[in-house]
């Protein structure tokens, strides 16, 4: 036996165009090329015979062959729920039932309700099966069965929608938090970059020192290394016979012998004068 969802999927094929409920069964019968005739018409066609519509509010008859059927539905137009019963017979036709066993009858009842009152068109103001019974002329017993299945399906649908909304909200919240974190990190990095001075001092590799050997003519210390750091350390060079002190790079002392290394302070104390060529 088909469940509510399966029967609703079948019903939707025939009710997608429907905009108002209750749906008209005669219109659907015409689309399915099934003739619909009233009780009066039946009695006129079969005068003198016992009319089955006294016992059944609607019947489905095939006047054709198995390979080429010609269906007609007769219905009692005076019956309170004649529209539902016509839909019931149409449901048997759509579901291709070949017997009236209980499962087939239950399927036809539920499909008839789905065709007569499509779930998407049931007003949200309806709160119980009696609303379907009164407003859409569905027999109360069938309305109660339909309402129970409709309510359960609707609750599942609402729960699914709530879950999807919650999931969407959660994903949006996570995305927002991640965006804020990345934004703060970006601002922090930008701030750090703005605080870097325009002129950056970087360590330079030590230049190769120029080593020059100055022979030691006496017991005085020899000068083995002469470079620009000497000036920064207030070291000057004097000759043994000269009266002036020089920078180590001065042409007067380069490649000379008998040189002496003094601090600038000692050279001045000892009466040496600055070289006019290298000290300005």
C-alpha atoms as a PDB file:
ATOM      1  CA  UNK A   1       0.000   0.000   0.000  1.00  0.00           C
ATOM      2  CA  UNK A   2       1.300   3.444  -0.939  1.00  0.00           C
ATOM      3  CA  UNK A   3       1.991   5.902   1.873  1.00  0.00           C
ATOM      4  CA  UNK A   4       0.944   9.527   2.186  1.00  0.00           C
ATOM      5  CA  UNK A   5       4.057  10.959   0.507  1.00  0.00           C
ATOM      6  CA  UNK A   6       3.792   8.596  -2.459  1.00  0.00           C
ATOM      7  CA  UNK A   7       0.110   9.343  -3.002  1.00  0.00           C
ATOM      8  CA  UNK A   8       0.698  13.066  -2.622  1.00  0.00           C
ATOM      9  CA  UNK A   9       3.392  12.926  -5.328  1.00  0.00           C
ATOM     10  CA  UNK A  10       0.827  11.257  -7.633  1.00  0.00           C
ATOM     11  CA  UNK A  11      -1.851  13.809  -6.755  1.00  0.00           C
ATOM     12  CA  UNK A  12       0.455  16.732  -7.492  1.00  0.00           C
ATOM     13  CA  UNK A  13       0.665  15.619 -11.118  1.00  0.00           C
ATOM     14  CA  UNK A  14      -3.031  16.427 -11.452  1.00  0.00           C
ATOM     15  CA  UNK A  15      -3.307  19.401  -9.073  1.00  0.00           C
ATOM     16  CA  UNK A  16      -0.360  21.652  -9.983  1.00  0.00           C
ATOM     17  CA  UNK A  17      -2.710  23.880 -11.973  1.00  0.00           C
ATOM     18  CA  UNK A  18      -5.317  24.070  -9.200  1.00  0.00           C
ATOM     19  CA  UNK A  19      -5.553  27.465  -7.499  1.00  0.00           C
ATOM     20  CA  UNK A  20      -8.760  27.108  -5.489  1.00  0.00           C
ATOM     21  CA  UNK A  21     -10.251  24.379  -3.334  1.00  0.00           C
ATOM     22  CA  UNK A  22     -12.358  22.343  -3.236  1.00  0.00           C
ATOM     23  CA  UNK A  23     -11.126  21.087  -6.593  1.00  0.00           C
ATOM     24  CA  UNK A  24     -13.665  20.219  -9.288  1.00  0.00           C
ATOM     25  CA  UNK A  25     -13.741  16.448 -10.022  1.00  0.00           C
ATOM     26  CA  UNK A  26     -15.558  16.881 -13.325  1.00  0.00           C
ATOM     27  CA  UNK A  27     -12.704  18.949 -14.733  1.00  0.00           C
ATOM     28  CA  UNK A  28     -10.159  16.252 -13.877  1.00  0.00           C
ATOM     29  CA  UNK A  29     -12.431  13.559 -15.338  1.00  0.00           C
ATOM     30  CA  UNK A  30     -12.624  15.515 -18.576  1.00  0.00           C
ATOM     31  CA  UNK A  31      -8.797  15.760 -18.688  1.00  0.00           C
ATOM     32  CA  UNK A  32      -8.593  11.990 -18.241  1.00  0.00           C
ATOM     33  CA  UNK A  33     -11.226  11.543 -20.983  1.00  0.00           C
ATOM     34  CA  UNK A  34     -13.615   9.872 -18.583  1.00  0.00           C
ATOM     35  CA  UNK A  35     -17.310  10.619 -18.998  1.00  0.00           C
ATOM     36  CA  UNK A  36     -19.282  11.616 -15.909  1.00  0.00           C
ATOM     37  CA  UNK A  37     -23.032  11.083 -15.772  1.00  0.00           C
ATOM     38  CA  UNK A  38     -25.554  11.694 -13.050  1.00  0.00           C
ATOM     39  CA  UNK A  39     -27.948   9.308 -11.392  1.00  0.00           C
ATOM     40  CA  UNK A  40     -30.808  10.689 -13.452  1.00  0.00           C
ATOM     41  CA  UNK A  41     -28.875   9.989 -16.657  1.00  0.00           C
ATOM     42  CA  UNK A  42     -28.186   6.438 -15.509  1.00  0.00           C
ATOM     43  CA  UNK A  43     -31.831   5.782 -14.800  1.00  0.00           C
ATOM     44  CA  UNK A  44     -32.734   7.151 -18.215  1.00  0.00           C
ATOM     45  CA  UNK A  45     -30.229   4.868 -19.925  1.00  0.00           C
ATOM     46  CA  UNK A  46     -31.136   1.814 -17.863  1.00  0.00           C
ATOM     47  CA  UNK A  47     -34.849   2.295 -17.262  1.00  0.00           C
ATOM     48  CA  UNK A  48     -36.414  -0.561 -15.414  1.00  0.00           C
ATOM     49  CA  UNK A  49     -33.123  -1.905 -14.085  1.00  0.00           C
ATOM     50  CA  UNK A  50     -31.984  -1.640 -10.513  1.00  0.00           C
ATOM     51  CA  UNK A  51     -29.830   1.483 -10.121  1.00  0.00           C
ATOM     52  CA  UNK A  52     -26.607   0.782  -8.168  1.00  0.00           C
ATOM     53  CA  UNK A  53     -26.435   4.466  -7.193  1.00  0.00           C
ATOM     54  CA  UNK A  54     -29.036   3.768  -4.531  1.00  0.00           C
ATOM     55  CA  UNK A  55     -26.338   1.768  -2.734  1.00  0.00           C
ATOM     56  CA  UNK A  56     -23.188   3.563  -3.896  1.00  0.00           C
ATOM     57  CA  UNK A  57     -22.804   7.325  -4.357  1.00  0.00           C
ATOM     58  CA  UNK A  58     -20.581   6.780  -7.430  1.00  0.00           C
ATOM     59  CA  UNK A  59     -19.496   3.914  -9.671  1.00  0.00           C
ATOM     60  CA  UNK A  60     -16.796   3.483 -12.350  1.00  0.00           C
ATOM     61  CA  UNK A  61     -17.848   1.491 -15.418  1.00  0.00           C
ATOM     62  CA  UNK A  62     -15.808   0.306 -18.380  1.00  0.00           C
ATOM     63  CA  UNK A  63     -17.806  -0.037 -21.578  1.00  0.00           C
ATOM     64  CA  UNK A  64     -14.824  -0.784 -23.742  1.00  0.00           C
ATOM     65  CA  UNK A  65     -12.378  -3.621 -23.862  1.00  0.00           C
ATOM     66  CA  UNK A  66      -9.304  -4.353 -21.751  1.00  0.00           C
ATOM     67  CA  UNK A  67      -7.032  -3.059 -24.496  1.00  0.00           C
ATOM     68  CA  UNK A  68      -9.309  -0.181 -25.434  1.00  0.00           C
ATOM     69  CA  UNK A  69     -11.282   0.852 -22.355  1.00  0.00           C
ATOM     70  CA  UNK A  70     -14.045   3.444 -22.328  1.00  0.00           C
ATOM     71  CA  UNK A  71     -14.719   4.592 -18.783  1.00  0.00           C
ATOM     72  CA  UNK A  72     -17.781   6.323 -17.432  1.00  0.00           C
ATOM     73  CA  UNK A  73     -18.435   7.455 -13.874  1.00  0.00           C
ATOM     74  CA  UNK A  74     -22.017   7.627 -12.688  1.00  0.00           C
ATOM     75  CA  UNK A  75     -22.652   9.615  -9.545  1.00  0.00           C
ATOM     76  CA  UNK A  76     -25.549  10.637  -7.349  1.00  0.00           C
ATOM     77  CA  UNK A  77     -25.681  14.406  -7.728  1.00  0.00           C
ATOM     78  CA  UNK A  78     -27.943  14.653  -4.668  1.00  0.00           C
ATOM     79  CA  UNK A  79     -25.397  13.027  -2.355  1.00  0.00           C
ATOM     80  CA  UNK A  80     -23.834  15.403   0.159  1.00  0.00           C
ATOM     81  CA  UNK A  81     -20.266  14.368  -0.689  1.00  0.00           C
ATOM     82  CA  UNK A  82     -20.701  13.543  -4.394  1.00  0.00           C
ATOM     83  CA  UNK A  83     -17.507  15.447  -5.325  1.00  0.00           C
ATOM     84  CA  UNK A  84     -15.403  13.291  -2.983  1.00  0.00           C
ATOM     85  CA  UNK A  85     -16.936  10.077  -4.352  1.00  0.00           C
ATOM     86  CA  UNK A  86     -16.223  11.050  -7.960  1.00  0.00           C
ATOM     87  CA  UNK A  87     -12.618  11.726  -6.952  1.00  0.00           C
ATOM     88  CA  UNK A  88     -12.613   8.332  -5.207  1.00  0.00           C
ATOM     89  CA  UNK A  89     -13.517   6.580  -8.491  1.00  0.00           C
ATOM     90  CA  UNK A  90     -10.954   8.689 -10.379  1.00  0.00           C
ATOM     91  CA  UNK A  91      -8.360   7.604  -7.809  1.00  0.00           C
ATOM     92  CA  UNK A  92      -9.128   3.936  -8.576  1.00  0.00           C
ATOM     93  CA  UNK A  93      -8.565   4.713 -12.259  1.00  0.00           C
ATOM     94  CA  UNK A  94      -5.310   6.626 -11.668  1.00  0.00           C
ATOM     95  CA  UNK A  95      -3.930   3.911  -9.379  1.00  0.00           C
ATOM     96  CA  UNK A  96      -5.034   1.211 -11.827  1.00  0.00           C
ATOM     97  CA  UNK A  97      -6.884  -0.765  -9.193  1.00  0.00           C
ATOM     98  CA  UNK A  98      -8.585  -3.910 -10.437  1.00  0.00           C
ATOM     99  CA  UNK A  99     -10.355  -4.839  -7.203  1.00  0.00           C
ATOM    100  CA  UNK A 100     -12.060  -3.251  -4.218  1.00  0.00           C
ATOM    101  CA  UNK A 101      -9.925  -4.848  -1.515  1.00  0.00           C
ATOM    102  CA  UNK A 102      -9.441  -2.819   1.722  1.00  0.00           C
ATOM    103  CA  UNK A 103      -5.924  -1.565   0.847  1.00  0.00           C
ATOM    104  CA  UNK A 104      -7.114  -0.305  -2.524  1.00  0.00           C
ATOM    105  CA  UNK A 105     -10.067   1.409  -0.883  1.00  0.00           C
ATOM    106  CA  UNK A 106      -7.815   3.148   1.656  1.00  0.00           C
ATOM    107  CA  UNK A 107      -5.472   4.285  -1.112  1.00  0.00           C
ATOM    108  CA  UNK A 108      -8.412   5.601  -3.168  1.00  0.00           C
ATOM    109  CA  UNK A 109      -9.854   7.429  -0.137  1.00  0.00           C
ATOM    110  CA  UNK A 110      -6.582   9.214   0.653  1.00  0.00           C
ATOM    111  CA  UNK A 111      -5.818  10.057  -2.974  1.00  0.00           C
ATOM    112  CA  UNK A 112      -9.367  11.423  -3.352  1.00  0.00           C
ATOM    113  CA  UNK A 113      -8.730  13.767  -0.402  1.00  0.00           C
ATOM    114  CA  UNK A 114      -5.385  14.883  -1.865  1.00  0.00           C
ATOM    115  CA  UNK A 115      -7.044  15.586  -5.220  1.00  0.00           C
ATOM    116  CA  UNK A 116     -10.009  17.409  -3.708  1.00  0.00           C
ATOM    117  CA  UNK A 117      -8.002  19.486  -1.204  1.00  0.00           C
ATOM    118  CA  UNK A 118      -4.286  19.662  -2.149  1.00  0.00           C
ATOM    119  CA  UNK A 119      -2.176  20.159   0.993  1.00  0.00           C
ATOM    120  CA  UNK A 120      -0.509  23.324  -0.313  1.00  0.00           C
ATOM    121  CA  UNK A 121      -3.917  25.008  -0.550  1.00  0.00           C
ATOM    122  CA  UNK A 122      -5.329  24.046   2.843  1.00  0.00           C
ATOM    123  CA  UNK A 123      -5.706  27.287   4.830  1.00  0.00           C
ATOM    124  CA  UNK A 124      -3.478  27.682   7.881  1.00  0.00           C
ATOM    125  CA  UNK A 125      -6.610  28.643   9.822  1.00  0.00           C
ATOM    126  CA  UNK A 126      -7.809  25.026   9.645  1.00  0.00           C
ATOM    127  CA  UNK A 127      -7.104  23.348  12.977  1.00  0.00           C
ATOM    128  CA  UNK A 128      -9.007  20.062  12.831  1.00  0.00           C
ATOM    129  CA  UNK A 129     -10.589  17.471  10.554  1.00  0.00           C
ATOM    130  CA  UNK A 130     -14.007  19.034  10.983  1.00  0.00           C
ATOM    131  CA  UNK A 131     -12.784  22.054   9.002  1.00  0.00           C
ATOM    132  CA  UNK A 132     -12.169  19.793   6.002  1.00  0.00           C
ATOM    133  CA  UNK A 133     -15.529  18.105   6.497  1.00  0.00           C
ATOM    134  CA  UNK A 134     -17.518  21.345   6.624  1.00  0.00           C
ATOM    135  CA  UNK A 135     -15.669  23.474   4.085  1.00  0.00           C
ATOM    136  CA  UNK A 136     -14.597  20.922   1.466  1.00  0.00           C
ATOM    137  CA  UNK A 137     -17.400  18.371   1.839  1.00  0.00           C
ATOM    138  CA  UNK A 138     -15.193  15.426   2.734  1.00  0.00           C
ATOM    139  CA  UNK A 139     -16.935  12.676   4.754  1.00  0.00           C
ATOM    140  CA  UNK A 140     -15.922  13.091   8.401  1.00  0.00           C
ATOM    141  CA  UNK A 141     -14.280   9.672   8.708  1.00  0.00           C
ATOM    142  CA  UNK A 142     -12.184  10.273   5.590  1.00  0.00           C
ATOM    143  CA  UNK A 143     -11.453  13.840   6.716  1.00  0.00           C
ATOM    144  CA  UNK A 144     -10.096  12.561  10.038  1.00  0.00           C
ATOM    145  CA  UNK A 145      -7.819  10.078   8.280  1.00  0.00           C
ATOM    146  CA  UNK A 146      -6.588  12.757   5.908  1.00  0.00           C
ATOM    147  CA  UNK A 147      -6.104  15.342   8.658  1.00  0.00           C
ATOM    148  CA  UNK A 148      -4.013  12.966  10.752  1.00  0.00           C
ATOM    149  CA  UNK A 149      -1.625  12.211   7.882  1.00  0.00           C
ATOM    150  CA  UNK A 150      -1.611  15.829   6.693  1.00  0.00           C
ATOM    151  CA  UNK A 151      -0.754  17.121  10.201  1.00  0.00           C
ATOM    152  CA  UNK A 152       2.103  14.663  10.667  1.00  0.00           C
ATOM    153  CA  UNK A 153       3.545  15.473   7.244  1.00  0.00           C
ATOM    154  CA  UNK A 154       3.144  19.187   7.882  1.00  0.00           C
ATOM    155  CA  UNK A 155       4.887  18.901  11.260  1.00  0.00           C
ATOM    156  CA  UNK A 156       7.792  17.050   9.626  1.00  0.00           C
ATOM    157  CA  UNK A 157       7.976  19.730   6.980  1.00  0.00           C
ATOM    158  CA  UNK A 158       7.988  22.488   9.594  1.00  0.00           C
ATOM    159  CA  UNK A 159      10.686  20.696  11.585  1.00  0.00           C
ATOM    160  CA  UNK A 160      12.776  20.378   8.442  1.00  0.00           C
ATOM    161  CA  UNK A 161      12.310  24.069   7.691  1.00  0.00           C
ATOM    162  CA  UNK A 162      13.288  24.985  11.251  1.00  0.00           C
ATOM    163  CA  UNK A 163      16.368  22.783  11.009  1.00  0.00           C
ATOM    164  CA  UNK A 164      17.341  24.370   7.681  1.00  0.00           C
ATOM    165  CA  UNK A 165      16.857  27.853   9.155  1.00  0.00           C
ATOM    166  CA  UNK A 166      18.914  26.911  12.203  1.00  0.00           C
ATOM    167  CA  UNK A 167      21.608  25.424   9.984  1.00  0.00           C
ATOM    168  CA  UNK A 168      21.618  28.535   7.801  1.00  0.00           C
ATOM    169  CA  UNK A 169      21.833  30.771  10.880  1.00  0.00           C
ATOM    170  CA  UNK A 170      24.663  28.655  12.311  1.00  0.00           C
ATOM    171  CA  UNK A 171      26.637  28.745   9.057  1.00  0.00           C
ATOM    172  CA  UNK A 172      26.050  32.499   8.771  1.00  0.00           C
ATOM    173  CA  UNK A 173      27.197  33.012  12.374  1.00  0.00           C
ATOM    174  CA  UNK A 174      30.355  30.966  11.816  1.00  0.00           C
ATOM    175  CA  UNK A 175      31.057  32.862   8.613  1.00  0.00           C
ATOM    176  CA  UNK A 176      30.538  36.167  10.431  1.00  0.00           C
ATOM    177  CA  UNK A 177      32.894  35.189  13.262  1.00  0.00           C
ATOM    178  CA  UNK A 178      35.555  33.988  10.818  1.00  0.00           C
ATOM    179  CA  UNK A 179      35.194  37.189   8.801  1.00  0.00           C
ATOM    180  CA  UNK A 180      35.600  39.306  11.954  1.00  0.00           C
ATOM    181  CA  UNK A 181      38.689  37.338  13.018  1.00  0.00           C
ATOM    182  CA  UNK A 182      40.280  37.698   9.595  1.00  0.00           C
ATOM    183  CA  UNK A 183      39.345  41.374   9.550  1.00  0.00           C
ATOM    184  CA  UNK A 184      40.963  41.989  12.933  1.00  0.00           C
ATOM    185  CA  UNK A 185      44.088  40.113  11.866  1.00  0.00           C
ATOM    186  CA  UNK A 186      44.243  42.170   8.689  1.00  0.00           C
ATOM    187  CA  UNK A 187      43.924  45.422  10.634  1.00  0.00           C
ATOM    188  CA  UNK A 188      46.598  44.238  13.077  1.00  0.00           C
ATOM    189  CA  UNK A 189      48.967  43.360  10.240  1.00  0.00           C
ATOM    190  CA  UNK A 190      48.295  46.676   8.523  1.00  0.00           C
ATOM    191  CA  UNK A 191      48.983  48.525  11.790  1.00  0.00           C
ATOM    192  CA  UNK A 192      52.284  46.688  12.209  1.00  0.00           C
ATOM    193  CA  UNK A 193      53.302  47.578   8.667  1.00  0.00           C
ATOM    194  CA  UNK A 194      52.454  51.235   9.231  1.00  0.00           C
ATOM    195  CA  UNK A 195      54.683  51.283  12.323  1.00  0.00           C
ATOM    196  CA  UNK A 196      57.787  50.130  10.403  1.00  0.00           C
ATOM    197  CA  UNK A 197      60.131  53.162   9.870  1.00  0.00           C
ATOM    198  CA  UNK A 198      60.798  54.267   6.311  1.00  0.00           C
ATOM    199  CA  UNK A 199      64.543  53.827   6.762  1.00  0.00           C
ATOM    200  CA  UNK A 200      65.473  50.340   7.883  1.00  0.00           C
ATOM    201  CA  UNK A 201      68.965  49.710   9.080  1.00  0.00           C
ATOM    202  CA  UNK A 202      70.170  46.302   8.151  1.00  0.00           C
ATOM    203  CA  UNK A 203      73.271  44.562   9.258  1.00  0.00           C
ATOM    204  CA  UNK A 204      76.035  44.756   6.713  1.00  0.00           C
ATOM    205  CA  UNK A 205      78.561  42.018   6.381  1.00  0.00           C
ATOM    206  CA  UNK A 206      81.920  42.851   7.842  1.00  0.00           C
ATOM    207  CA  UNK A 207      84.273  44.136   5.213  1.00  0.00           C
ATOM    208  CA  UNK A 208      87.474  42.309   4.772  1.00  0.00           C
ATOM    209  CA  UNK A 209      90.081  43.924   6.925  1.00  0.00           C
ATOM    210  CA  UNK A 210      93.214  45.162   5.228  1.00  0.00           C
ATOM    211  CA  UNK A 211      96.165  43.748   7.017  1.00  0.00           C
ATOM    212  CA  UNK A 212      99.460  45.522   6.607  1.00  0.00           C
ATOM    213  CA  UNK A 213     102.621  44.454   8.341  1.00  0.00           C
ATOM    214  CA  UNK A 214     104.708  47.254   9.779  1.00  0.00           C
ATOM    215  CA  UNK A 215     108.178  46.125  10.737  1.00  0.00           C
ATOM    216  CA  UNK A 216     109.108  46.711  14.342  1.00  0.00           C
ATOM    217  CA  UNK A 217     112.259  48.803  14.378  1.00  0.00           C
ATOM    218  CA  UNK A 218     112.504  48.913  18.150  1.00  0.00           C
ATOM    219  CA  UNK A 219     110.814  47.591  21.229  1.00  0.00           C
ATOM    220  CA  UNK A 220     107.786  49.729  20.443  1.00  0.00           C
ATOM    221  CA  UNK A 221     104.590  47.852  19.543  1.00  0.00           C
ATOM    222  CA  UNK A 222     104.001  47.153  15.914  1.00  0.00           C
ATOM    223  CA  UNK A 223     100.806  48.027  14.057  1.00  0.00           C
ATOM    224  CA  UNK A 224      99.396  44.952  12.369  1.00  0.00           C
ATOM    225  CA  UNK A 225      95.857  46.031  11.477  1.00  0.00           C
ATOM    226  CA  UNK A 226      94.954  49.406  10.056  1.00  0.00           C
ATOM    227  CA  UNK A 227      91.425  50.250   9.029  1.00  0.00           C
ATOM    228  CA  UNK A 228      88.709  52.874   9.362  1.00  0.00           C
ATOM    229  CA  UNK A 229      87.775  51.634  12.812  1.00  0.00           C
ATOM    230  CA  UNK A 230      91.039  53.145  14.032  1.00  0.00           C
ATOM    231  CA  UNK A 231      89.687  56.622  13.631  1.00  0.00           C
ATOM    232  CA  UNK A 232      86.546  55.725  15.463  1.00  0.00           C
ATOM    233  CA  UNK A 233      88.695  54.352  18.338  1.00  0.00           C
ATOM    234  CA  UNK A 234      90.820  57.587  18.475  1.00  0.00           C
ATOM    235  CA  UNK A 235      93.936  55.758  17.326  1.00  0.00           C
ATOM    236  CA  UNK A 236      96.509  57.797  15.421  1.00  0.00           C
ATOM    237  CA  UNK A 237      99.881  57.042  13.892  1.00  0.00           C
ATOM    238  CA  UNK A 238     103.143  58.921  14.528  1.00  0.00           C
ATOM    239  CA  UNK A 239     106.588  58.511  13.086  1.00  0.00           C
ATOM    240  CA  UNK A 240     109.615  58.107  15.239  1.00  0.00           C
ATOM    241  CA  UNK A 241     111.188  61.305  13.949  1.00  0.00           C
ATOM    242  CA  UNK A 242     108.067  63.260  13.050  1.00  0.00           C
ATOM    243  CA  UNK A 243     106.153  65.871  15.045  1.00  0.00           C
ATOM    244  CA  UNK A 244     102.656  65.214  13.747  1.00  0.00           C
ATOM    245  CA  UNK A 245     100.089  62.515  14.226  1.00  0.00           C
ATOM    246  CA  UNK A 246      98.242  60.993  11.293  1.00  0.00           C
ATOM    247  CA  UNK A 247      95.232  58.902  10.501  1.00  0.00           C
ATOM    248  CA  UNK A 248      96.115  55.326   9.526  1.00  0.00           C
ATOM    249  CA  UNK A 249      94.982  56.078   5.982  1.00  0.00           C
ATOM    250  CA  UNK A 250      97.228  59.094   5.578  1.00  0.00           C
ATOM    251  CA  UNK A 251      99.676  58.871   2.643  1.00  0.00           C
ATOM    252  CA  UNK A 252     102.481  60.009   4.930  1.00  0.00           C
ATOM    253  CA  UNK A 253     102.382  56.784   6.943  1.00  0.00           C
ATOM    254  CA  UNK A 254     101.253  54.209   4.422  1.00  0.00           C
ATOM    255  CA  UNK A 255     104.094  51.823   3.595  1.00  0.00           C
ATOM    256  CA  UNK A 256     106.372  53.604   6.055  1.00  0.00           C
ATOM    257  CA  UNK A 257     108.529  51.957   8.667  1.00  0.00           C
ATOM    258  CA  UNK A 258     109.243  52.864  12.263  1.00  0.00           C
ATOM    259  CA  UNK A 259     105.612  53.857  12.978  1.00  0.00           C
ATOM    260  CA  UNK A 260     104.057  54.094  16.341  1.00  0.00           C
ATOM    261  CA  UNK A 261     100.412  53.713  17.347  1.00  0.00           C
ATOM    262  CA  UNK A 262      99.055  56.100  20.002  1.00  0.00           C
ATOM    263  CA  UNK A 263      95.688  57.184  21.232  1.00  0.00           C
ATOM    264  CA  UNK A 264      94.727  60.650  20.174  1.00  0.00           C
ATOM    265  CA  UNK A 265      94.877  61.795  23.765  1.00  0.00           C
ATOM    266  CA  UNK A 266      98.424  60.471  24.239  1.00  0.00           C
ATOM    267  CA  UNK A 267      99.579  61.990  20.958  1.00  0.00           C
ATOM    268  CA  UNK A 268      98.381  65.418  22.063  1.00  0.00           C
ATOM    269  CA  UNK A 269      99.944  65.011  25.510  1.00  0.00           C
ATOM    270  CA  UNK A 270     103.243  64.099  23.884  1.00  0.00           C
ATOM    271  CA  UNK A 271     103.182  67.315  21.856  1.00  0.00           C
ATOM    272  CA  UNK A 272     102.260  65.904  18.476  1.00  0.00           C
ATOM    273  CA  UNK A 273     100.372  68.185  16.119  1.00  0.00           C
ATOM    274  CA  UNK A 274      97.631  67.069  13.667  1.00  0.00           C
ATOM    275  CA  UNK A 275      98.614  66.384  10.095  1.00  0.00           C
ATOM    276  CA  UNK A 276      97.217  69.057   7.837  1.00  0.00           C
ATOM    277  CA  UNK A 277      96.634  66.601   5.001  1.00  0.00           C
ATOM    278  CA  UNK A 278      94.532  63.920   6.697  1.00  0.00           C
ATOM    279  CA  UNK A 279      93.047  65.646   9.735  1.00  0.00           C
ATOM    280  CA  UNK A 280      90.811  68.623   9.097  1.00  0.00           C
END
